[in-house]
Structure formats: structure tokens, C-alpha cells
Amino acid sequence: MSRTVTAGLDGSRESLAAAAWAAREARRRGLPLRLVHAWEAQPYVTDPLVGPIAQRHWSERIPREAVAALRQQYPGVEITADQIAGETAAVLSAAAEDAELLVLGSRGLSGVAGFLVGSVALATVARARGPVVLVRAGEVAEDEHQPDSQGLPSTTTPYRDVVLGLDLTRPCDEVIEFAFDAAARRAAVLRVVHGWSLPPIHGYGPEAIAPEPDDDFGARQDRALSDALRPWRAKFPGVEVIEQAMIGRPAHHLVDASADAGVMVVGRRNRRSPVGTHIGPVTHAVLHRSSAPVAVVPHD
């Protein structure tokens, strides 16, 4: 099967926003867009007006109407839709196997920037073997771009920054490459954020041990970040990179950075435990609190 950008679709506002974001991403990548609608019959429904046949009929309308709308809005993108019977997270995780990336919707918190990430989205993120992007309800094309000279939304201005959250204890190639590639496709600035903490012996309590005068932890973190990014700067010479190694909790810095970002990129370590979902505390916090779409890239 040829590679696609795939979006999960259930008819909700957030999934429709995700499908539109996926259409724009498919256009950027020159790939087809595949919409996947997981259909689960409800056996406990006894009313014939909403029985299995009626459920199926209404279920088929969701991808059909979404395809028609997206084809009109993005005429240059090849768009197909599949309706697949099965448990939603399992269907979406399987669809991700053949996708360049999977795009899902997450409900925006009323009055608060951020995501309300449901159990299906979290389960899919934790199980998918490829990148998954979560898009909040209400996300539109203008949100990917900087405001115009009058401060108004626009789709003709440069793209907002791509922000990469980088853990220097495990600077994984898959995560870094995804972020550089995303910035290159958008001709956007790549802002790389690394949060770090002082070793315990250099804390702030009365028992703390003062560092040696030449023991500049901040400078060492700056150098480590530059070293990790140097080969990727050479591979993507056209990408402008801003490096930010800052003391403090990584999740806090990333959430702050999301306010002006077009897309946020974080990693998720693959875990082979058969029980529960494993996303990691920083990625979990960013998923729930970011005000920009979040791309979660799995790595070993």
C-alpha cells in the first residue's frame, strides 16, 4: 500500500478539524489523504429506528460527507475514505501502520488553551508505531500562520515556529528528524527547547553544595544541545534553528512555547509492556496543555 497521511474520523468537530489539518499536511507532503472511520455496532440498542442498519447508515454518512467537503476545499489532494468495523483504538493503530502519520482530534478545553485528550486518543498514541498528531477542535488553517501586518489571521503569511521538545539524555534521531522535516516543509523556524535541572547536590537548601567556579552547568547544557543538533543542521541547511536550553521543568517550557507554535513535536519511548498506556510524563502534560497541534513521535 502506498504511503498516506491518515486521519481518524468520527464526525465530531475535533475530528473534522483533524481531517482538515491532515489534508493540508498531505498537500505539503504530496501524499494522498486517507480518512478512517471505525464503526462499532451497539448490540444493546433495541429501537429499530436506531438499530444496526440505521447505525450503519448514519455511520456511512460521516466519511462520505467529510470527503465531499475536503475535496471541495483541497481540490489538489487525493482523498479516500474507509469504514472499518472494530474497536476504535485498534482500528486507528492498525491504520497508522501504513501511514506516513496519523492525525486525530482532541477536544479543546472551553475557555482554556489546551487539549482534553480522550481515552481512545491516548490509547492510540501509546500503541501506534508511527507519528501521531493531535489537533484540537476549532483549529483552522490560519492558526498555522503568523498574523498579518495588522495582526489579523492569514494563510499567506509565514508559518509559525515548529517547536521540538528535546531530551538530551536520549536525543532520538526519529524525533529530531521529524521536527526538522516539518520545519523544512513549512519554511518555518525550528525552535528546540531543552529543560534541565541542577544536580541534587547543587540545590537551593542550606545543605546545598556550591558548584565550582568553572562548573557552569548552563553552558554545558548549551554545548550539549548544540552538539546534538549539529549533524541535523548540516542535513537541513535551509532550516533556521533557535536553541533554548533552559533551567526548569521541560513540560512547563514546552507549554509556554506552544502559545506561538504552529506544531509541537515531542517523543514517546516505545515500551513493550502488555498492560496500560505508556506515554511519559512530559509528553502526557504537553498533550493535555498545549495550545498547538502536538506530533508524538515514537522511538526505541
C-alpha atoms as a PDB file:
ATOM      1  CA  MET A   1       0.000   0.000   0.000  1.00  0.00           C
ATOM      2  CA  SER A   2       1.266   3.469  -0.873  1.00  0.00           C
ATOM      3  CA  ARG A   3       2.033   5.798   1.996  1.00  0.00           C
ATOM      4  CA  THR A   4      -0.674   8.219   3.059  1.00  0.00           C
ATOM      5  CA  VAL A   5      -1.495  10.852   5.611  1.00  0.00           C
ATOM      6  CA  THR A   6      -4.318   9.205   7.576  1.00  0.00           C
ATOM      7  CA  ALA A   7      -6.919  10.888   9.762  1.00  0.00           C
ATOM      8  CA  GLY A   8      -9.314   9.277  12.213  1.00  0.00           C
ATOM      9  CA  LEU A   9     -12.862  10.468  11.678  1.00  0.00           C
ATOM     10  CA  ASP A  10     -15.959  10.179  13.874  1.00  0.00           C
ATOM     11  CA  GLY A  11     -17.969  13.213  12.795  1.00  0.00           C
ATOM     12  CA  SER A  12     -17.087  15.354  15.808  1.00  0.00           C
ATOM     13  CA  ARG A  13     -15.809  18.936  15.486  1.00  0.00           C
ATOM     14  CA  GLU A  14     -12.383  17.886  16.628  1.00  0.00           C
ATOM     15  CA  SER A  15     -12.116  15.021  14.133  1.00  0.00           C
ATOM     16  CA  LEU A  16     -13.242  17.296  11.287  1.00  0.00           C
ATOM     17  CA  ALA A  17     -10.565  19.824  12.302  1.00  0.00           C
ATOM     18  CA  ALA A  18      -8.038  16.973  12.355  1.00  0.00           C
ATOM     19  CA  ALA A  19      -9.130  15.833   8.881  1.00  0.00           C
ATOM     20  CA  ALA A  20      -8.685  19.347   7.500  1.00  0.00           C
ATOM     21  CA  TRP A  21      -5.242  19.637   9.146  1.00  0.00           C
ATOM     22  CA  ALA A  22      -4.364  16.244   7.649  1.00  0.00           C
ATOM     23  CA  ALA A  23      -5.464  17.446   4.193  1.00  0.00           C
ATOM     24  CA  ARG A  24      -3.115  20.401   4.439  1.00  0.00           C
ATOM     25  CA  GLU A  25      -0.308  18.127   5.618  1.00  0.00           C
ATOM     26  CA  ALA A  26      -0.984  15.714   2.748  1.00  0.00           C
ATOM     27  CA  ARG A  27      -0.718  18.646   0.339  1.00  0.00           C
ATOM     28  CA  ARG A  28       2.602  19.694   1.896  1.00  0.00           C
ATOM     29  CA  ARG A  29       3.942  16.157   1.569  1.00  0.00           C
ATOM     30  CA  GLY A  30       2.470  15.408  -1.860  1.00  0.00           C
ATOM     31  CA  LEU A  31       0.651  12.354  -0.472  1.00  0.00           C
ATOM     32  CA  PRO A  32      -2.926  11.065  -0.616  1.00  0.00           C
ATOM     33  CA  LEU A  33      -5.212  11.602   2.369  1.00  0.00           C
ATOM     34  CA  ARG A  34      -6.991   8.599   3.814  1.00  0.00           C
ATOM     35  CA  LEU A  35      -9.902   9.061   6.209  1.00  0.00           C
ATOM     36  CA  VAL A  36     -10.598   6.131   8.517  1.00  0.00           C
ATOM     37  CA  HIS A  37     -13.895   5.762  10.327  1.00  0.00           C
ATOM     38  CA  ALA A  38     -14.032   2.991  12.931  1.00  0.00           C
ATOM     39  CA  TRP A  39     -17.540   1.585  13.179  1.00  0.00           C
ATOM     40  CA  GLU A  40     -18.680  -0.244  16.282  1.00  0.00           C
ATOM     41  CA  ALA A  41     -22.260  -1.539  16.281  1.00  0.00           C
ATOM     42  CA  GLN A  42     -24.067  -1.124  19.600  1.00  0.00           C
ATOM     43  CA  PRO A  43     -25.716  -4.504  20.281  1.00  0.00           C
ATOM     44  CA  TYR A  44     -27.697  -3.224  23.265  1.00  0.00           C
ATOM     45  CA  VAL A  45     -29.732  -0.807  21.125  1.00  0.00           C
ATOM     46  CA  THR A  46     -33.251  -2.255  20.674  1.00  0.00           C
ATOM     47  CA  ASP A  47     -35.082   0.627  18.999  1.00  0.00           C
ATOM     48  CA  PRO A  48     -35.455  -0.379  15.306  1.00  0.00           C
ATOM     49  CA  LEU A  49     -35.071   3.261  14.272  1.00  0.00           C
ATOM     50  CA  VAL A  50     -31.523   3.249  15.649  1.00  0.00           C
ATOM     51  CA  GLY A  51     -30.727  -0.459  15.193  1.00  0.00           C
ATOM     52  CA  PRO A  52     -27.633  -1.858  13.408  1.00  0.00           C
ATOM     53  CA  ILE A  53     -28.861  -0.977   9.901  1.00  0.00           C
ATOM     54  CA  ALA A  54     -29.729   2.585  10.883  1.00  0.00           C
ATOM     55  CA  GLN A  55     -26.455   2.891  12.808  1.00  0.00           C
ATOM     56  CA  ARG A  56     -24.545   1.750   9.745  1.00  0.00           C
ATOM     57  CA  HIS A  57     -26.413   4.184   7.506  1.00  0.00           C
ATOM     58  CA  TRP A  58     -25.625   7.169   9.727  1.00  0.00           C
ATOM     59  CA  SER A  59     -22.075   5.917  10.149  1.00  0.00           C
ATOM     60  CA  GLU A  60     -21.546   5.812   6.380  1.00  0.00           C
ATOM     61  CA  ARG A  61     -22.644   9.430   6.052  1.00  0.00           C
ATOM     62  CA  ILE A  62     -19.747  10.651   8.195  1.00  0.00           C
ATOM     63  CA  PRO A  63     -16.852   9.794   5.851  1.00  0.00           C
ATOM     64  CA  ARG A  64     -18.915  10.446   2.697  1.00  0.00           C
ATOM     65  CA  GLU A  65     -19.800  13.990   3.699  1.00  0.00           C
ATOM     66  CA  ALA A  66     -16.280  14.694   5.012  1.00  0.00           C
ATOM     67  CA  VAL A  67     -14.702  13.561   1.737  1.00  0.00           C
ATOM     68  CA  ALA A  68     -17.050  15.776  -0.291  1.00  0.00           C
ATOM     69  CA  ALA A  69     -16.258  18.827   1.848  1.00  0.00           C
ATOM     70  CA  LEU A  70     -12.498  18.275   1.834  1.00  0.00           C
ATOM     71  CA  ARG A  71     -12.345  17.654  -1.908  1.00  0.00           C
ATOM     72  CA  GLN A  72     -14.024  20.996  -2.453  1.00  0.00           C
ATOM     73  CA  GLN A  73     -11.687  22.778  -0.048  1.00  0.00           C
ATOM     74  CA  TYR A  74      -8.471  20.997  -1.133  1.00  0.00           C
ATOM     75  CA  PRO A  75      -9.015  20.098  -4.815  1.00  0.00           C
ATOM     76  CA  GLY A  76      -5.426  19.049  -5.443  1.00  0.00           C
ATOM     77  CA  VAL A  77      -5.373  16.369  -2.732  1.00  0.00           C
ATOM     78  CA  GLU A  78      -6.361  12.782  -3.498  1.00  0.00           C
ATOM     79  CA  ILE A  79      -8.823  11.786  -0.760  1.00  0.00           C
ATOM     80  CA  THR A  80     -10.291   8.382   0.042  1.00  0.00           C
ATOM     81  CA  ALA A  81     -12.276   7.070   2.986  1.00  0.00           C
ATOM     82  CA  ASP A  82     -12.576   3.657   4.624  1.00  0.00           C
ATOM     83  CA  GLN A  83     -15.161   2.485   7.122  1.00  0.00           C
ATOM     84  CA  ILE A  84     -13.728  -0.314   9.235  1.00  0.00           C
ATOM     85  CA  ALA A  85     -15.621  -2.375  11.801  1.00  0.00           C
ATOM     86  CA  GLY A  86     -13.805  -2.832  15.089  1.00  0.00           C
ATOM     87  CA  GLU A  87     -12.657  -1.279  18.334  1.00  0.00           C
ATOM     88  CA  THR A  88     -11.660   2.307  17.577  1.00  0.00           C
ATOM     89  CA  ALA A  89      -8.148   2.435  19.078  1.00  0.00           C
ATOM     90  CA  ALA A  90      -7.242  -0.889  17.463  1.00  0.00           C
ATOM     91  CA  VAL A  91      -8.550   0.228  14.060  1.00  0.00           C
ATOM     92  CA  LEU A  92      -6.664   3.521  14.222  1.00  0.00           C
ATOM     93  CA  SER A  93      -3.442   1.897  15.431  1.00  0.00           C
ATOM     94  CA  ALA A  94      -3.609  -0.559  12.533  1.00  0.00           C
ATOM     95  CA  ALA A  95      -4.281   2.272  10.082  1.00  0.00           C
ATOM     96  CA  ALA A  96      -1.185   4.048  11.359  1.00  0.00           C
ATOM     97  CA  GLU A  97       0.983   1.121  10.235  1.00  0.00           C
ATOM     98  CA  ASP A  98       0.531   2.101   6.584  1.00  0.00           C
ATOM     99  CA  ALA A  99       0.571   5.851   7.140  1.00  0.00           C
ATOM    100  CA  GLU A 100       3.274   8.484   6.992  1.00  0.00           C
ATOM    101  CA  LEU A 101       1.500   9.904  10.025  1.00  0.00           C
ATOM    102  CA  LEU A 102      -1.864   9.552  11.749  1.00  0.00           C
ATOM    103  CA  VAL A 103      -3.917  12.633  12.675  1.00  0.00           C
ATOM    104  CA  LEU A 104      -6.550  12.573  15.428  1.00  0.00           C
ATOM    105  CA  GLY A 105      -8.815  15.149  17.006  1.00  0.00           C
ATOM    106  CA  SER A 106      -8.873  16.217  20.648  1.00  0.00           C
ATOM    107  CA  ARG A 107     -11.498  18.391  22.257  1.00  0.00           C
ATOM    108  CA  GLY A 108     -10.381  21.910  23.145  1.00  0.00           C
ATOM    109  CA  LEU A 109     -10.970  22.906  26.761  1.00  0.00           C
ATOM    110  CA  SER A 110     -13.654  25.571  26.963  1.00  0.00           C
ATOM    111  CA  GLY A 111     -12.055  28.922  27.759  1.00  0.00           C
ATOM    112  CA  VAL A 112      -8.624  27.388  28.325  1.00  0.00           C
ATOM    113  CA  ALA A 113      -5.929  26.773  25.746  1.00  0.00           C
ATOM    114  CA  GLY A 114      -5.185  23.102  25.538  1.00  0.00           C
ATOM    115  CA  PHE A 115      -6.487  19.621  24.864  1.00  0.00           C
ATOM    116  CA  LEU A 116      -8.940  17.330  26.540  1.00  0.00           C
ATOM    117  CA  VAL A 117      -7.423  14.050  25.403  1.00  0.00           C
ATOM    118  CA  GLY A 118      -9.829  11.127  25.459  1.00  0.00           C
ATOM    119  CA  SER A 119      -9.047   7.515  26.227  1.00  0.00           C
ATOM    120  CA  VAL A 120      -9.167   6.497  22.545  1.00  0.00           C
ATOM    121  CA  ALA A 121      -6.629   9.152  21.545  1.00  0.00           C
ATOM    122  CA  LEU A 122      -4.311   8.284  24.436  1.00  0.00           C
ATOM    123  CA  ALA A 123      -4.554   4.559  23.708  1.00  0.00           C
ATOM    124  CA  THR A 124      -3.824   5.145  20.024  1.00  0.00           C
ATOM    125  CA  VAL A 125      -0.852   7.409  20.771  1.00  0.00           C
ATOM    126  CA  ALA A 126       0.557   4.806  23.151  1.00  0.00           C
ATOM    127  CA  ARG A 127       0.132   1.928  20.674  1.00  0.00           C
ATOM    128  CA  ALA A 128       0.936   3.484  17.296  1.00  0.00           C
ATOM    129  CA  ARG A 129       4.305   2.630  15.782  1.00  0.00           C
ATOM    130  CA  GLY A 130       4.426   5.825  13.729  1.00  0.00           C
ATOM    131  CA  PRO A 131       3.934   9.554  14.401  1.00  0.00           C
ATOM    132  CA  VAL A 132       0.517  10.662  15.657  1.00  0.00           C
ATOM    133  CA  VAL A 133      -0.639  14.285  15.534  1.00  0.00           C
ATOM    134  CA  LEU A 134      -3.394  15.513  17.857  1.00  0.00           C
ATOM    135  CA  VAL A 135      -5.404  18.518  16.668  1.00  0.00           C
ATOM    136  CA  ARG A 136      -7.851  20.439  18.843  1.00  0.00           C
ATOM    137  CA  ALA A 137     -11.383  21.386  17.874  1.00  0.00           C
ATOM    138  CA  GLY A 138     -11.534  24.778  16.211  1.00  0.00           C
ATOM    139  CA  GLU A 139      -8.077  24.545  14.623  1.00  0.00           C
ATOM    140  CA  VAL A 140      -8.091  26.271  11.216  1.00  0.00           C
ATOM    141  CA  ALA A 141      -5.532  26.921   8.501  1.00  0.00           C
ATOM    142  CA  GLU A 142      -4.893  30.459   9.736  1.00  0.00           C
ATOM    143  CA  ASP A 143      -3.697  29.096  13.091  1.00  0.00           C
ATOM    144  CA  GLU A 144      -0.652  27.589  11.359  1.00  0.00           C
ATOM    145  CA  HIS A 145       0.487  31.007  10.156  1.00  0.00           C
ATOM    146  CA  GLN A 146       1.694  34.204  11.765  1.00  0.00           C
ATOM    147  CA  PRO A 147      -0.773  37.124  11.861  1.00  0.00           C
ATOM    148  CA  ASP A 148      -0.524  39.668   9.070  1.00  0.00           C
ATOM    149  CA  SER A 149       0.904  43.170   9.470  1.00  0.00           C
ATOM    150  CA  GLN A 150      -2.364  44.327  11.042  1.00  0.00           C
ATOM    151  CA  GLY A 151      -2.479  41.439  13.483  1.00  0.00           C
ATOM    152  CA  LEU A 152      -5.239  39.622  11.603  1.00  0.00           C
ATOM    153  CA  PRO A 153      -5.361  35.865  10.855  1.00  0.00           C
ATOM    154  CA  SER A 154      -3.925  34.927   7.479  1.00  0.00           C
ATOM    155  CA  THR A 155      -2.957  31.925   5.368  1.00  0.00           C
ATOM    156  CA  THR A 156      -0.467  33.859   3.228  1.00  0.00           C
ATOM    157  CA  THR A 157       1.982  34.872   5.950  1.00  0.00           C
ATOM    158  CA  PRO A 158       4.940  32.705   7.028  1.00  0.00           C
ATOM    159  CA  TYR A 159       4.274  29.638   9.128  1.00  0.00           C
ATOM    160  CA  ARG A 160       4.552  29.797  12.893  1.00  0.00           C
ATOM    161  CA  ASP A 161       7.533  28.086  14.519  1.00  0.00           C
ATOM    162  CA  VAL A 162       7.852  24.348  14.791  1.00  0.00           C
ATOM    163  CA  VAL A 163       8.787  23.610  18.406  1.00  0.00           C
ATOM    164  CA  LEU A 164      10.768  20.500  19.324  1.00  0.00           C
ATOM    165  CA  GLY A 165      10.973  19.269  22.897  1.00  0.00           C
ATOM    166  CA  LEU A 166      14.345  17.526  23.141  1.00  0.00           C
ATOM    167  CA  ASP A 167      15.555  15.296  25.970  1.00  0.00           C
ATOM    168  CA  LEU A 168      19.355  15.347  25.812  1.00  0.00           C
ATOM    169  CA  THR A 169      19.587  12.134  27.833  1.00  0.00           C
ATOM    170  CA  ARG A 170      18.001  10.388  24.819  1.00  0.00           C
ATOM    171  CA  PRO A 171      18.264  12.676  21.746  1.00  0.00           C
ATOM    172  CA  CYS A 172      16.481  10.281  19.372  1.00  0.00           C
ATOM    173  CA  ASP A 173      17.015  10.624  15.641  1.00  0.00           C
ATOM    174  CA  GLU A 174      13.372   9.893  14.725  1.00  0.00           C
ATOM    175  CA  VAL A 175      12.070  12.780  16.808  1.00  0.00           C
ATOM    176  CA  ILE A 176      14.702  15.275  15.670  1.00  0.00           C
ATOM    177  CA  GLU A 177      14.325  14.347  12.002  1.00  0.00           C
ATOM    178  CA  PHE A 178      10.533  14.700  12.143  1.00  0.00           C
ATOM    179  CA  ALA A 179      10.853  18.205  13.574  1.00  0.00           C
ATOM    180  CA  PHE A 180      13.498  19.341  11.070  1.00  0.00           C
ATOM    181  CA  ASP A 181      11.464  17.901   8.207  1.00  0.00           C
ATOM    182  CA  ALA A 182       8.300  19.640   9.433  1.00  0.00           C
ATOM    183  CA  ALA A 183      10.132  22.968   9.628  1.00  0.00           C
ATOM    184  CA  ALA A 184      11.688  22.487   6.184  1.00  0.00           C
ATOM    185  CA  ARG A 185       8.318  21.729   4.555  1.00  0.00           C
ATOM    186  CA  ARG A 186       6.880  24.904   6.047  1.00  0.00           C
ATOM    187  CA  ALA A 187       9.963  27.103   5.598  1.00  0.00           C
ATOM    188  CA  ALA A 188       9.444  27.737   9.307  1.00  0.00           C
ATOM    189  CA  VAL A 189      11.804  28.436  12.168  1.00  0.00           C
ATOM    190  CA  LEU A 190      12.589  25.382  14.298  1.00  0.00           C
ATOM    191  CA  ARG A 191      12.740  26.215  17.995  1.00  0.00           C
ATOM    192  CA  VAL A 192      14.376  23.453  20.048  1.00  0.00           C
ATOM    193  CA  VAL A 193      13.546  23.519  23.760  1.00  0.00           C
ATOM    194  CA  HIS A 194      15.500  21.548  26.357  1.00  0.00           C
ATOM    195  CA  GLY A 195      14.618  21.857  30.022  1.00  0.00           C
ATOM    196  CA  TRP A 196      17.220  20.867  32.592  1.00  0.00           C
ATOM    197  CA  SER A 197      17.726  20.836  36.361  1.00  0.00           C
ATOM    198  CA  LEU A 198      20.719  21.259  38.623  1.00  0.00           C
ATOM    199  CA  PRO A 199      22.115  18.053  40.136  1.00  0.00           C
ATOM    200  CA  PRO A 200      20.717  17.432  43.639  1.00  0.00           C
ATOM    201  CA  ILE A 201      23.936  18.449  45.372  1.00  0.00           C
ATOM    202  CA  HIS A 202      23.612  21.882  43.770  1.00  0.00           C
ATOM    203  CA  GLY A 203      20.143  22.596  45.131  1.00  0.00           C
ATOM    204  CA  TYR A 204      18.960  25.686  46.931  1.00  0.00           C
ATOM    205  CA  GLY A 205      18.583  24.458  50.515  1.00  0.00           C
ATOM    206  CA  PRO A 206      21.003  25.200  53.374  1.00  0.00           C
ATOM    207  CA  GLU A 207      22.675  21.820  52.830  1.00  0.00           C
ATOM    208  CA  ALA A 208      23.418  22.573  49.176  1.00  0.00           C
ATOM    209  CA  ILE A 209      26.973  22.439  47.869  1.00  0.00           C
ATOM    210  CA  ALA A 210      28.020  25.364  45.743  1.00  0.00           C
ATOM    211  CA  PRO A 211      29.382  24.451  42.293  1.00  0.00           C
ATOM    212  CA  GLU A 212      32.990  25.076  41.431  1.00  0.00           C
ATOM    213  CA  PRO A 213      33.551  28.419  39.713  1.00  0.00           C
ATOM    214  CA  ASP A 214      34.275  26.740  36.355  1.00  0.00           C
ATOM    215  CA  ASP A 215      31.425  24.243  36.716  1.00  0.00           C
ATOM    216  CA  ASP A 216      28.953  26.092  34.522  1.00  0.00           C
ATOM    217  CA  PHE A 217      26.024  23.743  34.113  1.00  0.00           C
ATOM    218  CA  GLY A 218      24.100  26.141  31.917  1.00  0.00           C
ATOM    219  CA  ALA A 219      26.981  26.464  29.458  1.00  0.00           C
ATOM    220  CA  ARG A 220      27.405  22.697  29.407  1.00  0.00           C
ATOM    221  CA  GLN A 221      23.731  22.221  28.571  1.00  0.00           C
ATOM    222  CA  ASP A 222      24.037  24.803  25.792  1.00  0.00           C
ATOM    223  CA  ARG A 223      27.016  22.955  24.337  1.00  0.00           C
ATOM    224  CA  ALA A 224      25.298  19.576  24.609  1.00  0.00           C
ATOM    225  CA  LEU A 225      22.245  20.912  22.781  1.00  0.00           C
ATOM    226  CA  SER A 226      24.404  22.399  20.022  1.00  0.00           C
ATOM    227  CA  ASP A 227      26.330  19.135  19.678  1.00  0.00           C
ATOM    228  CA  ALA A 228      23.110  17.101  19.369  1.00  0.00           C
ATOM    229  CA  LEU A 229      21.740  19.386  16.647  1.00  0.00           C
ATOM    230  CA  ARG A 230      24.934  19.948  14.652  1.00  0.00           C
ATOM    231  CA  PRO A 231      24.540  16.988  12.241  1.00  0.00           C
ATOM    232  CA  TRP A 232      20.876  17.870  11.664  1.00  0.00           C
ATOM    233  CA  ARG A 233      21.711  21.483  10.882  1.00  0.00           C
ATOM    234  CA  ALA A 234      24.086  20.129   8.221  1.00  0.00           C
ATOM    235  CA  LYS A 235      21.400  17.794   6.844  1.00  0.00           C
ATOM    236  CA  PHE A 236      18.788  20.587   6.738  1.00  0.00           C
ATOM    237  CA  PRO A 237      20.883  23.693   5.966  1.00  0.00           C
ATOM    238  CA  GLY A 238      17.847  25.749   4.969  1.00  0.00           C
ATOM    239  CA  VAL A 239      16.173  25.461   8.378  1.00  0.00           C
ATOM    240  CA  GLU A 240      16.708  28.328  10.804  1.00  0.00           C
ATOM    241  CA  VAL A 241      17.191  26.877  14.285  1.00  0.00           C
ATOM    242  CA  ILE A 242      16.779  28.576  17.637  1.00  0.00           C
ATOM    243  CA  GLU A 243      18.283  26.633  20.544  1.00  0.00           C
ATOM    244  CA  GLN A 244      16.837  27.115  24.021  1.00  0.00           C
ATOM    245  CA  ALA A 245      18.365  25.180  26.935  1.00  0.00           C
ATOM    246  CA  MET A 246      16.530  26.464  29.999  1.00  0.00           C
ATOM    247  CA  ILE A 247      16.558  25.504  33.646  1.00  0.00           C
ATOM    248  CA  GLY A 248      13.204  24.208  34.840  1.00  0.00           C
ATOM    249  CA  ARG A 249      10.597  21.611  34.040  1.00  0.00           C
ATOM    250  CA  PRO A 250      10.540  20.722  30.329  1.00  0.00           C
ATOM    251  CA  ALA A 251       6.737  20.440  30.195  1.00  0.00           C
ATOM    252  CA  HIS A 252       6.336  23.961  31.568  1.00  0.00           C
ATOM    253  CA  HIS A 253       8.664  25.452  28.948  1.00  0.00           C
ATOM    254  CA  LEU A 254       7.024  23.494  26.127  1.00  0.00           C
ATOM    255  CA  VAL A 255       3.511  24.524  27.091  1.00  0.00           C
ATOM    256  CA  ASP A 256       4.645  28.155  27.177  1.00  0.00           C
ATOM    257  CA  ALA A 257       6.273  27.748  23.756  1.00  0.00           C
ATOM    258  CA  SER A 258       3.087  26.229  22.295  1.00  0.00           C
ATOM    259  CA  ALA A 259       1.305  29.584  22.513  1.00  0.00           C
ATOM    260  CA  ASP A 260       3.167  30.842  19.427  1.00  0.00           C
ATOM    261  CA  ALA A 261       3.816  27.494  17.723  1.00  0.00           C
ATOM    262  CA  GLY A 262       2.337  26.044  14.561  1.00  0.00           C
ATOM    263  CA  VAL A 263       3.067  22.499  15.659  1.00  0.00           C
ATOM    264  CA  MET A 264       4.731  20.948  18.714  1.00  0.00           C
ATOM    265  CA  VAL A 265       6.947  17.848  18.358  1.00  0.00           C
ATOM    266  CA  VAL A 266       7.655  15.525  21.273  1.00  0.00           C
ATOM    267  CA  GLY A 267       8.836  11.943  21.604  1.00  0.00           C
ATOM    268  CA  ARG A 268       7.381   8.793  23.098  1.00  0.00           C
ATOM    269  CA  ARG A 269       9.584   5.890  24.048  1.00  0.00           C
ATOM    270  CA  ASN A 270       8.339   2.528  22.768  1.00  0.00           C
ATOM    271  CA  ARG A 271       7.547   0.233  25.675  1.00  0.00           C
ATOM    272  CA  ARG A 272       6.635  -3.373  25.271  1.00  0.00           C
ATOM    273  CA  SER A 273       4.633  -3.777  28.472  1.00  0.00           C
ATOM    274  CA  PRO A 274       1.297  -5.515  27.720  1.00  0.00           C
ATOM    275  CA  VAL A 275      -0.513  -3.532  30.428  1.00  0.00           C
ATOM    276  CA  GLY A 276      -1.620   0.091  30.340  1.00  0.00           C
ATOM    277  CA  THR A 277      -0.589   3.046  28.221  1.00  0.00           C
ATOM    278  CA  HIS A 278       2.921   4.457  28.396  1.00  0.00           C
ATOM    279  CA  ILE A 279       3.385   7.965  27.067  1.00  0.00           C
ATOM    280  CA  GLY A 280       5.759   9.585  29.539  1.00  0.00           C
ATOM    281  CA  PRO A 281       5.062  12.461  31.937  1.00  0.00           C
ATOM    282  CA  VAL A 282       6.380  15.299  29.765  1.00  0.00           C
ATOM    283  CA  THR A 283       4.576  14.159  26.624  1.00  0.00           C
ATOM    284  CA  HIS A 284       1.420  13.477  28.642  1.00  0.00           C
ATOM    285  CA  ALA A 285       1.482  17.000  30.087  1.00  0.00           C
ATOM    286  CA  VAL A 286       2.104  18.577  26.682  1.00  0.00           C
ATOM    287  CA  LEU A 287      -0.766  16.596  25.129  1.00  0.00           C
ATOM    288  CA  HIS A 288      -3.196  17.955  27.696  1.00  0.00           C
ATOM    289  CA  ARG A 289      -1.967  21.540  27.914  1.00  0.00           C
ATOM    290  CA  SER A 290      -0.539  22.533  24.537  1.00  0.00           C
ATOM    291  CA  SER A 291      -2.431  25.160  22.567  1.00  0.00           C
ATOM    292  CA  ALA A 292      -0.890  23.976  19.269  1.00  0.00           C
ATOM    293  CA  PRO A 293      -1.231  20.640  17.457  1.00  0.00           C
ATOM    294  CA  VAL A 294       1.079  18.058  19.007  1.00  0.00           C
ATOM    295  CA  ALA A 295       3.046  15.478  16.999  1.00  0.00           C
ATOM    296  CA  VAL A 296       4.087  12.480  19.107  1.00  0.00           C
ATOM    297  CA  VAL A 297       6.931  10.536  17.508  1.00  0.00           C
ATOM    298  CA  PRO A 298       7.686   7.040  18.883  1.00  0.00           C
ATOM    299  CA  HIS A 299      11.260   5.883  19.305  1.00  0.00           C
ATOM    300  CA  ASP A 300      13.201   2.978  20.837  1.00  0.00           C
END
